[in-house]
């Protein structure tokens, strides 16, 4: 879910009783993006920025194939507003940010032209941070909550499916991740076992010859 649809669900959704966790697997891509109103009186500068932010969220809500799975609107202060976004993949995030038909590219084009023309006056600040979190490095728990945050983006599960303790949930591995790890381990073992005998001696011998040559010089 994303855009306005998620907001509507969050307002009307009934809480899931008891403890739940997020049904997320694989990498989790989190984007924090927002603005800071440096001067409240400069309404003609910060209102267009805020409007652009909502327009991009609306655009993404209408096109879920672009990869935004969920988002949360937050405020850090009366001046600072931001969105926590959960993306399907970093590739989808990059594609949207550079897509010629997406509003994001148009908005940043306008901003960059203003910077080059020296028309910015520090009235409004912009920022974003992107995190790609591998499986085994995130966990979540919710109590008497409707699907929220990561669970709203990926679905909710009874907490027992991943473990009651945070350490158990962090240790969880999906079948796909476990299979990839097993395959990588197998390839590594074959590489070690398949090393031709004598290679180590040849390397050591070559290093010794190099040292002798350097000493002779």
N, C-alpha and C. Protein backbone atom coordinates (compact mmCIF):
# COMPACT_ATOMS: atom_id res chain seq x y z
N UNK A 1 0.84 -1.20 0.00
CA UNK A 1 0.00 0.00 0.00
C UNK A 1 0.87 1.24 0.00
N UNK A 2 0.35 2.34 -0.54
CA UNK A 2 1.13 3.57 -0.55
C UNK A 2 0.21 4.73 -0.74
N UNK A 3 0.76 5.93 -0.64
CA UNK A 3 0.02 7.15 -0.92
C UNK A 3 -1.20 7.30 -0.04
N UNK A 4 -2.26 7.91 -0.62
CA UNK A 4 -3.45 8.21 0.15
C UNK A 4 -4.14 6.94 0.64
N UNK A 5 -4.04 5.88 -0.12
CA UNK A 5 -4.72 4.65 0.27
C UNK A 5 -4.24 4.17 1.64
N UNK A 6 -2.93 4.23 1.86
CA UNK A 6 -2.42 3.78 3.15
C UNK A 6 -2.91 4.68 4.26
N UNK A 7 -2.98 5.99 4.00
CA UNK A 7 -3.47 6.91 5.02
C UNK A 7 -4.90 6.57 5.41
N UNK A 8 -5.73 6.27 4.41
CA UNK A 8 -7.12 5.92 4.69
C UNK A 8 -7.21 4.63 5.50
N UNK A 9 -6.39 3.64 5.15
CA UNK A 9 -6.40 2.37 5.88
C UNK A 9 -5.95 2.59 7.31
N UNK A 10 -4.92 3.43 7.52
CA UNK A 10 -4.41 3.68 8.86
C UNK A 10 -5.46 4.33 9.74
N UNK A 11 -6.27 5.22 9.16
CA UNK A 11 -7.30 5.92 9.94
C UNK A 11 -8.43 4.98 10.34
N UNK A 12 -8.82 4.09 9.44
CA UNK A 12 -10.00 3.26 9.68
C UNK A 12 -9.69 1.83 10.11
N UNK A 13 -8.44 1.42 10.04
CA UNK A 13 -8.09 0.01 10.31
C UNK A 13 -8.29 -0.36 11.76
N UNK A 14 -8.71 -1.60 11.97
CA UNK A 14 -8.84 -2.13 13.32
C UNK A 14 -7.50 -2.72 13.75
N UNK A 15 -7.15 -2.59 15.02
CA UNK A 15 -5.87 -3.15 15.48
C UNK A 15 -5.88 -4.67 15.46
N UNK A 16 -4.72 -5.24 15.17
CA UNK A 16 -4.54 -6.68 15.30
C UNK A 16 -4.31 -6.98 16.78
N UNK A 17 -5.08 -7.88 17.38
CA UNK A 17 -4.92 -8.14 18.81
C UNK A 17 -3.59 -8.82 19.12
N UNK A 18 -3.00 -8.46 20.24
CA UNK A 18 -1.78 -9.12 20.69
C UNK A 18 -0.56 -8.66 19.92
N UNK A 19 0.45 -9.53 19.92
CA UNK A 19 1.73 -9.20 19.31
C UNK A 19 1.78 -9.67 17.85
N UNK A 20 2.25 -8.80 16.98
CA UNK A 20 2.47 -9.16 15.58
C UNK A 20 3.85 -8.65 15.16
N UNK A 21 4.29 -9.10 13.99
CA UNK A 21 5.55 -8.64 13.42
C UNK A 21 5.36 -8.45 11.92
N UNK A 22 6.36 -7.93 11.26
CA UNK A 22 6.27 -7.64 9.83
C UNK A 22 6.67 -8.85 9.00
N UNK A 23 5.91 -9.12 7.96
CA UNK A 23 6.18 -10.25 7.07
C UNK A 23 7.14 -9.82 5.96
N UNK A 24 8.28 -9.27 6.34
CA UNK A 24 9.28 -8.79 5.37
C UNK A 24 10.37 -9.82 5.22
N UNK A 25 10.84 -10.01 3.98
CA UNK A 25 11.95 -10.91 3.70
C UNK A 25 12.91 -10.21 2.74
N UNK A 26 14.13 -10.70 2.70
CA UNK A 26 15.12 -10.11 1.81
C UNK A 26 15.52 -8.72 2.27
N UNK A 27 16.14 -7.96 1.37
CA UNK A 27 16.56 -6.60 1.69
C UNK A 27 15.34 -5.71 1.94
N UNK A 28 15.45 -4.82 2.90
CA UNK A 28 14.43 -3.80 3.13
C UNK A 28 15.03 -2.45 2.78
N UNK A 29 14.35 -1.73 1.89
CA UNK A 29 14.84 -0.43 1.43
C UNK A 29 14.00 0.66 2.07
N UNK A 30 14.65 1.52 2.85
CA UNK A 30 13.96 2.58 3.56
C UNK A 30 14.51 3.93 3.10
N UNK A 31 13.62 4.81 2.71
CA UNK A 31 13.99 6.16 2.31
C UNK A 31 13.34 7.15 3.27
N UNK A 32 14.14 8.01 3.87
CA UNK A 32 13.63 9.13 4.67
C UNK A 32 13.83 10.39 3.84
N UNK A 33 12.77 11.12 3.58
CA UNK A 33 12.87 12.31 2.74
C UNK A 33 11.97 13.40 3.30
N UNK A 34 12.50 14.62 3.35
CA UNK A 34 11.70 15.67 3.95
C UNK A 34 12.20 17.07 3.69
N UNK A 35 11.62 18.00 4.41
CA UNK A 35 11.90 19.43 4.24
C UNK A 35 11.89 20.12 5.60
N UNK A 36 12.58 21.25 5.66
CA UNK A 36 12.58 22.08 6.87
C UNK A 36 12.24 23.51 6.47
N UNK A 37 11.27 24.09 7.14
CA UNK A 37 10.90 25.48 6.89
C UNK A 37 11.85 26.36 7.70
N UNK A 38 12.79 26.98 7.03
CA UNK A 38 13.76 27.82 7.71
C UNK A 38 13.19 29.20 8.06
N UNK A 39 12.29 29.70 7.20
CA UNK A 39 11.67 31.00 7.45
C UNK A 39 10.17 30.89 7.14
N UNK A 40 9.37 30.93 8.19
CA UNK A 40 7.92 30.73 8.02
C UNK A 40 7.29 31.77 7.11
N UNK A 41 7.80 33.00 7.14
CA UNK A 41 7.18 34.06 6.35
C UNK A 41 7.37 33.86 4.84
N UNK A 42 8.35 33.02 4.45
CA UNK A 42 8.63 32.79 3.03
C UNK A 42 7.68 31.72 2.47
N UNK A 43 6.40 31.97 2.61
CA UNK A 43 5.38 30.98 2.21
C UNK A 43 5.51 30.63 0.73
N UNK A 44 5.87 31.60 -0.10
CA UNK A 44 5.98 31.37 -1.54
C UNK A 44 7.12 30.43 -1.89
N UNK A 45 8.01 30.14 -0.92
CA UNK A 45 9.11 29.21 -1.16
C UNK A 45 8.79 27.81 -0.63
N UNK A 46 8.26 27.71 0.61
CA UNK A 46 8.11 26.37 1.18
C UNK A 46 6.79 25.69 0.84
N UNK A 47 5.74 26.45 0.53
CA UNK A 47 4.48 25.82 0.14
C UNK A 47 4.62 25.02 -1.16
N UNK A 48 5.30 25.55 -2.20
CA UNK A 48 5.49 24.74 -3.41
C UNK A 48 6.28 23.45 -3.15
N UNK A 49 7.24 23.51 -2.23
CA UNK A 49 8.02 22.31 -1.90
C UNK A 49 7.12 21.27 -1.24
N UNK A 50 6.31 21.69 -0.28
CA UNK A 50 5.41 20.77 0.40
C UNK A 50 4.37 20.20 -0.58
N UNK A 51 3.87 21.06 -1.47
CA UNK A 51 2.91 20.60 -2.47
C UNK A 51 3.53 19.56 -3.39
N UNK A 52 4.79 19.78 -3.77
CA UNK A 52 5.49 18.82 -4.63
C UNK A 52 5.64 17.47 -3.94
N UNK A 53 5.90 17.49 -2.64
CA UNK A 53 6.05 16.24 -1.89
C UNK A 53 4.75 15.43 -1.93
N UNK A 54 3.62 16.10 -1.69
CA UNK A 54 2.34 15.40 -1.72
C UNK A 54 2.00 14.94 -3.15
N UNK A 55 2.40 15.72 -4.14
CA UNK A 55 2.11 15.33 -5.52
C UNK A 55 2.87 14.05 -5.89
N UNK A 56 4.11 13.93 -5.43
CA UNK A 56 4.89 12.72 -5.72
C UNK A 56 4.29 11.51 -5.03
N UNK A 57 3.82 11.68 -3.79
CA UNK A 57 3.18 10.57 -3.08
C UNK A 57 1.91 10.13 -3.80
N UNK A 58 1.15 11.09 -4.29
CA UNK A 58 -0.07 10.77 -5.02
C UNK A 58 0.26 10.03 -6.31
N UNK A 59 1.30 10.49 -7.00
CA UNK A 59 1.73 9.85 -8.24
C UNK A 59 2.14 8.40 -7.98
N UNK A 60 2.89 8.17 -6.91
CA UNK A 60 3.34 6.82 -6.58
C UNK A 60 2.19 5.93 -6.14
N UNK A 61 1.19 6.50 -5.46
CA UNK A 61 0.03 5.72 -5.03
C UNK A 61 -0.77 5.24 -6.23
N UNK A 62 -0.79 6.03 -7.29
CA UNK A 62 -1.54 5.67 -8.49
C UNK A 62 -0.79 4.68 -9.38
N UNK A 63 0.49 4.47 -9.10
CA UNK A 63 1.31 3.57 -9.92
C UNK A 63 2.13 2.66 -9.01
N UNK A 64 1.50 1.69 -8.34
CA UNK A 64 2.23 0.82 -7.40
C UNK A 64 3.36 0.03 -8.06
N UNK A 65 3.31 -0.12 -9.38
CA UNK A 65 4.38 -0.85 -10.07
C UNK A 65 5.72 -0.10 -10.01
N UNK A 66 5.69 1.17 -9.64
CA UNK A 66 6.94 1.93 -9.52
C UNK A 66 7.75 1.48 -8.29
N UNK A 67 7.10 0.83 -7.33
CA UNK A 67 7.88 0.19 -6.26
C UNK A 67 7.71 0.72 -4.85
N UNK A 68 6.93 1.77 -4.64
CA UNK A 68 6.70 2.24 -3.27
C UNK A 68 5.67 1.33 -2.60
N UNK A 69 6.08 0.67 -1.51
CA UNK A 69 5.20 -0.30 -0.85
C UNK A 69 4.45 0.30 0.32
N UNK A 70 4.97 1.36 0.90
CA UNK A 70 4.29 1.99 2.03
C UNK A 70 5.01 3.25 2.44
N UNK A 71 4.30 4.11 3.19
CA UNK A 71 4.93 5.34 3.67
C UNK A 71 4.20 5.87 4.89
N UNK A 72 4.93 6.65 5.68
CA UNK A 72 4.39 7.27 6.89
C UNK A 72 4.78 8.74 6.87
N UNK A 73 3.81 9.61 7.05
CA UNK A 73 4.08 11.04 7.15
C UNK A 73 4.37 11.38 8.61
N UNK A 74 5.48 12.08 8.86
CA UNK A 74 5.87 12.41 10.22
C UNK A 74 6.35 13.86 10.30
N UNK A 75 6.40 14.38 11.52
CA UNK A 75 6.97 15.69 11.75
C UNK A 75 7.95 15.60 12.91
N UNK A 76 9.10 16.24 12.75
CA UNK A 76 10.11 16.25 13.80
C UNK A 76 10.02 17.50 14.65
N UNK A 77 9.36 18.53 14.12
CA UNK A 77 9.19 19.80 14.82
C UNK A 77 8.18 20.62 14.01
N UNK A 78 7.77 21.77 14.52
CA UNK A 78 6.87 22.60 13.71
C UNK A 78 7.49 23.05 12.39
N UNK A 79 8.81 22.90 12.27
CA UNK A 79 9.49 23.32 11.05
C UNK A 79 9.81 22.16 10.09
N UNK A 80 9.98 20.97 10.64
CA UNK A 80 10.52 19.85 9.86
C UNK A 80 9.47 18.76 9.63
N UNK A 81 9.27 18.41 8.37
CA UNK A 81 8.29 17.39 7.97
C UNK A 81 8.98 16.40 7.05
N UNK A 82 8.65 15.12 7.24
CA UNK A 82 9.31 14.12 6.39
C UNK A 82 8.43 12.89 6.20
N UNK A 83 8.85 12.06 5.27
CA UNK A 83 8.13 10.83 4.93
C UNK A 83 9.08 9.65 5.07
N UNK A 84 8.65 8.63 5.79
CA UNK A 84 9.37 7.35 5.81
C UNK A 84 8.77 6.50 4.71
N UNK A 85 9.58 6.10 3.75
CA UNK A 85 9.09 5.31 2.62
C UNK A 85 9.75 3.93 2.61
N UNK A 86 8.95 2.91 2.30
CA UNK A 86 9.45 1.55 2.16
C UNK A 86 9.34 1.15 0.69
N UNK A 87 10.48 0.82 0.07
CA UNK A 87 10.52 0.53 -1.35
C UNK A 87 10.75 -0.95 -1.62
N UNK A 88 10.24 -1.40 -2.75
CA UNK A 88 10.39 -2.80 -3.17
C UNK A 88 11.85 -3.15 -3.37
N UNK A 89 12.64 -2.23 -3.92
CA UNK A 89 14.06 -2.47 -4.14
C UNK A 89 14.74 -1.13 -4.40
N UNK A 90 16.06 -1.11 -4.24
CA UNK A 90 16.79 0.13 -4.53
C UNK A 90 16.76 0.42 -6.03
N UNK A 91 16.69 -0.63 -6.86
CA UNK A 91 16.60 -0.42 -8.30
C UNK A 91 15.33 0.33 -8.68
N UNK A 92 14.20 -0.05 -8.06
CA UNK A 92 12.94 0.63 -8.34
C UNK A 92 13.00 2.09 -7.86
N UNK A 93 13.64 2.32 -6.73
CA UNK A 93 13.79 3.67 -6.21
C UNK A 93 14.60 4.53 -7.18
N UNK A 94 15.73 3.99 -7.66
CA UNK A 94 16.56 4.73 -8.62
C UNK A 94 15.80 5.00 -9.91
N UNK A 95 15.06 4.00 -10.37
CA UNK A 95 14.32 4.16 -11.62
C UNK A 95 13.30 5.27 -11.52
N UNK A 96 12.59 5.33 -10.39
CA UNK A 96 11.59 6.39 -10.23
C UNK A 96 12.25 7.76 -10.17
N UNK A 97 13.35 7.86 -9.43
CA UNK A 97 13.98 9.17 -9.25
C UNK A 97 14.49 9.75 -10.57
N UNK A 98 14.83 8.86 -11.53
CA UNK A 98 15.37 9.32 -12.81
C UNK A 98 14.38 9.22 -13.97
N UNK A 99 13.18 8.69 -13.72
CA UNK A 99 12.22 8.46 -14.79
C UNK A 99 11.79 9.79 -15.45
N UNK A 100 11.92 9.91 -16.77
CA UNK A 100 11.57 11.16 -17.45
C UNK A 100 10.10 11.54 -17.29
N UNK A 101 9.23 10.53 -17.10
CA UNK A 101 7.80 10.81 -16.99
C UNK A 101 7.33 11.02 -15.56
N UNK A 102 8.24 10.97 -14.59
CA UNK A 102 7.87 11.11 -13.18
C UNK A 102 8.04 12.56 -12.72
N UNK A 103 7.21 12.96 -11.77
CA UNK A 103 7.25 14.35 -11.30
C UNK A 103 8.53 14.65 -10.53
N UNK A 104 9.14 13.63 -9.91
CA UNK A 104 10.36 13.85 -9.14
C UNK A 104 11.45 14.50 -9.98
N UNK A 105 11.65 13.99 -11.17
CA UNK A 105 12.70 14.55 -12.03
C UNK A 105 12.41 16.01 -12.40
N UNK A 106 11.15 16.30 -12.67
CA UNK A 106 10.76 17.67 -13.00
C UNK A 106 11.01 18.60 -11.81
N UNK A 107 10.63 18.15 -10.60
CA UNK A 107 10.78 18.98 -9.40
C UNK A 107 12.25 19.27 -9.12
N UNK A 108 13.11 18.23 -9.25
CA UNK A 108 14.53 18.45 -8.99
C UNK A 108 15.16 19.30 -10.08
N UNK A 109 14.65 19.20 -11.29
CA UNK A 109 15.14 20.06 -12.36
C UNK A 109 14.89 21.52 -12.05
N UNK A 110 13.69 21.83 -11.54
CA UNK A 110 13.35 23.20 -11.15
C UNK A 110 14.27 23.67 -10.01
N UNK A 111 14.47 22.80 -9.02
CA UNK A 111 15.32 23.16 -7.88
C UNK A 111 16.75 23.42 -8.31
N UNK A 112 17.29 22.56 -9.19
CA UNK A 112 18.67 22.73 -9.64
C UNK A 112 18.85 24.00 -10.46
N UNK A 113 17.85 24.34 -11.27
CA UNK A 113 17.94 25.58 -12.06
C UNK A 113 17.93 26.81 -11.15
N UNK A 114 17.15 26.75 -10.07
CA UNK A 114 17.13 27.86 -9.12
C UNK A 114 18.48 28.01 -8.42
N UNK A 115 19.11 26.89 -8.10
CA UNK A 115 20.43 26.93 -7.45
C UNK A 115 21.45 27.56 -8.40
N UNK A 116 21.47 27.11 -9.65
CA UNK A 116 22.42 27.64 -10.62
C UNK A 116 22.20 29.12 -10.90
N UNK A 117 20.94 29.55 -10.85
CA UNK A 117 20.63 30.95 -11.12
C UNK A 117 20.80 31.83 -9.87
N UNK A 118 21.14 31.21 -8.74
CA UNK A 118 21.33 31.97 -7.51
C UNK A 118 20.04 32.52 -6.94
N UNK A 119 18.92 31.82 -7.18
CA UNK A 119 17.62 32.30 -6.73
C UNK A 119 17.17 31.70 -5.40
N UNK A 120 18.00 30.84 -4.81
CA UNK A 120 17.64 30.28 -3.51
C UNK A 120 18.10 31.23 -2.41
N UNK A 121 17.33 31.30 -1.33
CA UNK A 121 17.63 32.24 -0.24
C UNK A 121 17.61 31.54 1.12
N UNK A 122 17.82 30.24 1.13
CA UNK A 122 17.85 29.46 2.37
C UNK A 122 16.54 29.55 3.14
N UNK A 123 15.43 29.72 2.42
CA UNK A 123 14.12 29.79 3.07
C UNK A 123 13.61 28.40 3.44
N UNK A 124 13.99 27.39 2.67
CA UNK A 124 13.51 26.03 2.91
C UNK A 124 14.65 25.05 2.66
N UNK A 125 14.77 24.06 3.55
CA UNK A 125 15.81 23.04 3.40
C UNK A 125 15.22 21.72 2.93
N UNK A 126 16.02 20.94 2.23
CA UNK A 126 15.60 19.63 1.72
C UNK A 126 16.62 18.58 2.16
N UNK A 127 16.17 17.36 2.39
CA UNK A 127 17.09 16.31 2.78
C UNK A 127 16.51 14.94 2.48
N UNK A 128 17.38 13.96 2.34
CA UNK A 128 16.93 12.56 2.31
C UNK A 128 18.06 11.65 2.73
N UNK A 129 17.69 10.48 3.25
CA UNK A 129 18.62 9.42 3.62
C UNK A 129 18.05 8.10 3.12
N UNK A 130 18.90 7.25 2.57
CA UNK A 130 18.46 5.95 2.04
C UNK A 130 19.22 4.83 2.76
N UNK A 131 18.50 3.81 3.16
CA UNK A 131 19.09 2.66 3.84
C UNK A 131 18.65 1.37 3.14
N UNK A 132 19.61 0.53 2.79
CA UNK A 132 19.32 -0.80 2.28
C UNK A 132 19.73 -1.78 3.37
N UNK A 133 18.73 -2.38 4.03
CA UNK A 133 18.99 -3.21 5.21
C UNK A 133 18.83 -4.68 4.83
N UNK A 134 19.91 -5.47 4.91
CA UNK A 134 19.80 -6.89 4.53
C UNK A 134 19.01 -7.70 5.54
N UNK A 135 18.46 -8.80 5.07
CA UNK A 135 17.74 -9.71 5.97
C UNK A 135 18.67 -10.17 7.08
N UNK A 136 18.15 -10.18 8.30
CA UNK A 136 18.99 -10.52 9.44
C UNK A 136 19.50 -9.29 10.17
N UNK A 137 19.16 -8.10 9.62
CA UNK A 137 19.59 -6.85 10.24
C UNK A 137 18.41 -5.94 10.58
N UNK A 138 17.21 -6.49 10.54
CA UNK A 138 16.03 -5.72 10.95
C UNK A 138 15.03 -6.66 11.61
N UNK A 139 14.21 -6.11 12.48
CA UNK A 139 13.13 -6.86 13.11
C UNK A 139 12.06 -5.86 13.53
N UNK A 140 10.87 -6.34 13.81
CA UNK A 140 9.77 -5.46 14.18
C UNK A 140 8.81 -6.18 15.10
N UNK A 141 8.16 -5.41 15.97
CA UNK A 141 7.11 -5.97 16.83
C UNK A 141 6.05 -4.88 17.06
N UNK A 142 4.80 -5.30 17.08
CA UNK A 142 3.67 -4.40 17.28
C UNK A 142 2.72 -5.05 18.28
N UNK A 143 2.09 -4.24 19.13
CA UNK A 143 1.14 -4.75 20.11
C UNK A 143 -0.17 -3.99 19.98
N UNK A 144 -1.23 -4.74 19.70
CA UNK A 144 -2.57 -4.15 19.53
C UNK A 144 -2.53 -2.98 18.55
N UNK A 145 -1.84 -3.20 17.43
CA UNK A 145 -1.68 -2.17 16.41
C UNK A 145 -2.24 -2.65 15.08
N UNK A 146 -2.85 -1.76 14.30
CA UNK A 146 -3.15 -2.10 12.91
C UNK A 146 -1.83 -2.17 12.15
N UNK A 147 -1.82 -2.76 10.96
CA UNK A 147 -0.58 -2.79 10.18
C UNK A 147 0.02 -1.39 10.06
N UNK A 148 1.27 -1.26 10.47
CA UNK A 148 1.92 0.04 10.52
C UNK A 148 3.38 -0.09 10.09
N UNK A 149 3.90 0.93 9.44
CA UNK A 149 5.31 0.95 9.09
C UNK A 149 5.69 -0.21 8.19
N UNK A 150 6.67 -0.98 8.63
CA UNK A 150 7.15 -2.11 7.84
C UNK A 150 6.05 -3.15 7.63
N UNK A 151 5.20 -3.34 8.64
CA UNK A 151 4.10 -4.30 8.52
C UNK A 151 3.05 -3.83 7.53
N UNK A 152 2.83 -2.52 7.43
CA UNK A 152 1.89 -2.00 6.44
C UNK A 152 2.45 -2.18 5.03
N UNK A 153 3.77 -2.12 4.91
CA UNK A 153 4.40 -2.26 3.59
C UNK A 153 4.48 -3.71 3.14
N UNK A 154 4.68 -4.63 4.09
CA UNK A 154 4.92 -6.04 3.72
C UNK A 154 3.89 -7.01 4.26
N UNK A 155 2.98 -6.56 5.11
CA UNK A 155 2.01 -7.46 5.73
C UNK A 155 2.41 -7.80 7.15
N UNK A 156 1.43 -8.21 7.96
CA UNK A 156 1.67 -8.53 9.37
C UNK A 156 1.52 -10.03 9.62
N UNK A 157 2.27 -10.53 10.60
CA UNK A 157 2.25 -11.93 10.99
C UNK A 157 2.13 -12.04 12.50
N UNK A 158 1.59 -13.14 13.02
CA UNK A 158 1.70 -13.39 14.46
C UNK A 158 3.18 -13.45 14.83
N UNK A 159 3.55 -12.85 15.93
CA UNK A 159 4.96 -12.73 16.27
C UNK A 159 5.63 -14.10 16.41
N UNK A 160 4.86 -15.12 16.77
CA UNK A 160 5.44 -16.45 16.95
C UNK A 160 6.06 -16.99 15.66
N UNK A 161 5.61 -16.51 14.52
CA UNK A 161 6.15 -16.99 13.24
C UNK A 161 7.61 -16.59 13.04
N UNK A 162 8.04 -15.54 13.76
CA UNK A 162 9.42 -15.07 13.64
C UNK A 162 10.19 -15.15 14.95
N UNK A 163 9.48 -15.32 16.06
CA UNK A 163 10.15 -15.42 17.35
C UNK A 163 9.70 -14.34 18.31
N UNK A 164 9.56 -14.71 19.58
CA UNK A 164 9.09 -13.78 20.60
C UNK A 164 10.17 -12.77 20.98
N UNK A 165 11.43 -13.18 20.88
CA UNK A 165 12.53 -12.29 21.26
C UNK A 165 13.07 -11.57 20.03
N UNK A 166 13.59 -10.36 20.24
CA UNK A 166 14.17 -9.59 19.14
C UNK A 166 15.32 -10.37 18.49
N UNK A 167 16.11 -11.06 19.32
CA UNK A 167 17.24 -11.83 18.78
C UNK A 167 16.76 -12.94 17.85
N UNK A 168 15.63 -13.55 18.18
CA UNK A 168 15.08 -14.60 17.32
C UNK A 168 14.60 -14.03 16.00
N UNK A 169 13.95 -12.87 16.06
CA UNK A 169 13.45 -12.26 14.82
C UNK A 169 14.60 -11.79 13.93
N UNK A 170 15.67 -11.31 14.54
CA UNK A 170 16.84 -10.90 13.75
C UNK A 170 17.53 -12.10 13.13
N UNK A 171 17.44 -13.26 13.80
CA UNK A 171 18.09 -14.47 13.29
C UNK A 171 17.27 -15.16 12.21
N UNK A 172 16.02 -14.71 11.98
CA UNK A 172 15.15 -15.35 10.99
C UNK A 172 15.74 -15.21 9.59
N UNK A 173 15.66 -16.29 8.80
CA UNK A 173 16.10 -16.27 7.41
C UNK A 173 15.00 -16.90 6.55
N UNK A 174 14.62 -16.22 5.49
CA UNK A 174 13.64 -16.78 4.56
C UNK A 174 14.29 -17.92 3.79
N UNK A 175 13.47 -18.73 3.14
CA UNK A 175 14.00 -19.86 2.37
C UNK A 175 14.93 -19.39 1.27
N UNK A 176 14.58 -18.28 0.62
CA UNK A 176 15.41 -17.77 -0.47
C UNK A 176 16.78 -17.34 0.06
N UNK A 177 16.81 -16.64 1.21
CA UNK A 177 18.07 -16.20 1.77
C UNK A 177 18.90 -17.37 2.26
N UNK A 178 18.24 -18.35 2.88
CA UNK A 178 18.95 -19.53 3.36
C UNK A 178 19.55 -20.31 2.20
N UNK A 179 18.79 -20.42 1.10
CA UNK A 179 19.29 -21.12 -0.08
C UNK A 179 20.49 -20.42 -0.69
N UNK A 180 20.45 -19.09 -0.76
CA UNK A 180 21.57 -18.32 -1.31
C UNK A 180 22.81 -18.48 -0.45
N UNK A 181 22.63 -18.46 0.87
CA UNK A 181 23.76 -18.61 1.78
C UNK A 181 24.39 -19.99 1.65
N UNK A 182 23.53 -21.03 1.51
CA UNK A 182 24.04 -22.39 1.36
C UNK A 182 24.82 -22.54 0.06
N UNK A 183 24.29 -21.95 -1.01
CA UNK A 183 24.96 -22.03 -2.30
C UNK A 183 26.30 -21.31 -2.27
N UNK A 184 26.35 -20.15 -1.61
CA UNK A 184 27.60 -19.40 -1.51
C UNK A 184 28.63 -20.18 -0.71
N UNK A 185 28.17 -20.82 0.37
CA UNK A 185 29.08 -21.62 1.18
C UNK A 185 29.63 -22.80 0.41
N UNK A 186 28.78 -23.44 -0.41
CA UNK A 186 29.21 -24.58 -1.22
C UNK A 186 30.25 -24.17 -2.25
N UNK A 187 30.02 -23.03 -2.90
CA UNK A 187 30.97 -22.55 -3.90
C UNK A 187 32.31 -22.21 -3.26
N UNK A 188 32.27 -21.62 -2.05
CA UNK A 188 33.51 -21.28 -1.36
C UNK A 188 34.30 -22.53 -1.01
N UNK A 189 33.60 -23.58 -0.56
CA UNK A 189 34.28 -24.82 -0.19
C UNK A 189 34.91 -25.48 -1.41
N UNK A 190 34.20 -25.46 -2.55
CA UNK A 190 34.75 -26.04 -3.77
C UNK A 190 35.99 -25.30 -4.22
N UNK A 191 35.99 -23.98 -4.05
CA UNK A 191 37.16 -23.19 -4.44
C UNK A 191 38.37 -23.55 -3.62
N UNK A 192 38.20 -23.76 -2.31
CA UNK A 192 39.32 -24.11 -1.46
C UNK A 192 39.83 -25.51 -1.79
N UNK A 193 38.90 -26.46 -1.93
CA UNK A 193 39.29 -27.84 -2.20
C UNK A 193 39.92 -27.97 -3.58
N UNK A 194 39.50 -27.13 -4.53
CA UNK A 194 39.99 -27.26 -5.89
C UNK A 194 41.28 -26.52 -6.17
N UNK A 195 41.91 -25.91 -5.15
CA UNK A 195 43.16 -25.19 -5.37
C UNK A 195 44.26 -26.18 -5.75
N UNK A 196 44.94 -25.98 -6.88
CA UNK A 196 45.99 -26.92 -7.30
C UNK A 196 47.10 -27.00 -6.27
N UNK A 197 47.60 -28.22 -5.99
CA UNK A 197 48.67 -28.36 -5.00
C UNK A 197 49.93 -27.65 -5.49
N UNK A 198 50.65 -27.07 -4.57
CA UNK A 198 51.91 -26.42 -4.94
C UNK A 198 51.76 -24.95 -5.23
N UNK A 199 50.51 -24.46 -5.42
CA UNK A 199 50.34 -23.03 -5.71
C UNK A 199 50.85 -22.17 -4.57
N UNK A 200 50.59 -22.61 -3.34
CA UNK A 200 51.03 -21.84 -2.19
C UNK A 200 52.54 -21.75 -2.18
N UNK A 201 53.22 -22.86 -2.50
CA UNK A 201 54.68 -22.84 -2.53
C UNK A 201 55.20 -21.94 -3.62
N UNK A 202 54.48 -21.94 -4.78
CA UNK A 202 54.93 -21.10 -5.89
C UNK A 202 54.81 -19.63 -5.53
N UNK A 203 53.72 -19.28 -4.85
CA UNK A 203 53.54 -17.89 -4.44
C UNK A 203 54.61 -17.50 -3.45
N UNK A 204 54.85 -18.38 -2.46
CA UNK A 204 55.86 -18.08 -1.46
C UNK A 204 57.24 -17.97 -2.10
N UNK A 205 57.51 -18.90 -3.06
CA UNK A 205 58.79 -18.86 -3.74
C UNK A 205 58.96 -17.57 -4.52
N UNK A 206 57.87 -17.15 -5.21
CA UNK A 206 57.94 -15.92 -5.98
C UNK A 206 58.19 -14.72 -5.09
N UNK A 207 57.55 -14.71 -3.90
CA UNK A 207 57.75 -13.61 -2.97
C UNK A 207 59.19 -13.59 -2.48
N UNK A 208 59.75 -14.79 -2.25
CA UNK A 208 61.13 -14.87 -1.80
C UNK A 208 62.09 -14.35 -2.86
N UNK A 209 61.86 -14.73 -4.12
CA UNK A 209 62.71 -14.25 -5.21
C UNK A 209 62.63 -12.73 -5.33
N UNK A 210 61.41 -12.18 -5.13
CA UNK A 210 61.24 -10.73 -5.22
C UNK A 210 62.04 -10.02 -4.13
N UNK A 211 62.04 -10.61 -2.91
CA UNK A 211 62.79 -10.00 -1.82
C UNK A 211 64.28 -10.04 -2.08
N UNK A 212 64.74 -11.18 -2.62
CA UNK A 212 66.16 -11.31 -2.91
C UNK A 212 66.60 -10.31 -3.98
N UNK A 213 65.71 -10.15 -5.00
CA UNK A 213 66.04 -9.20 -6.05
C UNK A 213 66.10 -7.78 -5.52
N UNK A 214 65.18 -7.44 -4.62
CA UNK A 214 65.16 -6.10 -4.06
C UNK A 214 66.41 -5.88 -3.22
N UNK A 215 66.83 -6.92 -2.48
CA UNK A 215 68.03 -6.79 -1.63
C UNK A 215 69.28 -6.60 -2.50
N UNK A 216 69.32 -7.31 -3.65
CA UNK A 216 70.47 -7.21 -4.54
C UNK A 216 70.60 -5.82 -5.13
N UNK A 217 69.43 -5.15 -5.33
CA UNK A 217 69.46 -3.79 -5.87
C UNK A 217 69.94 -2.81 -4.79
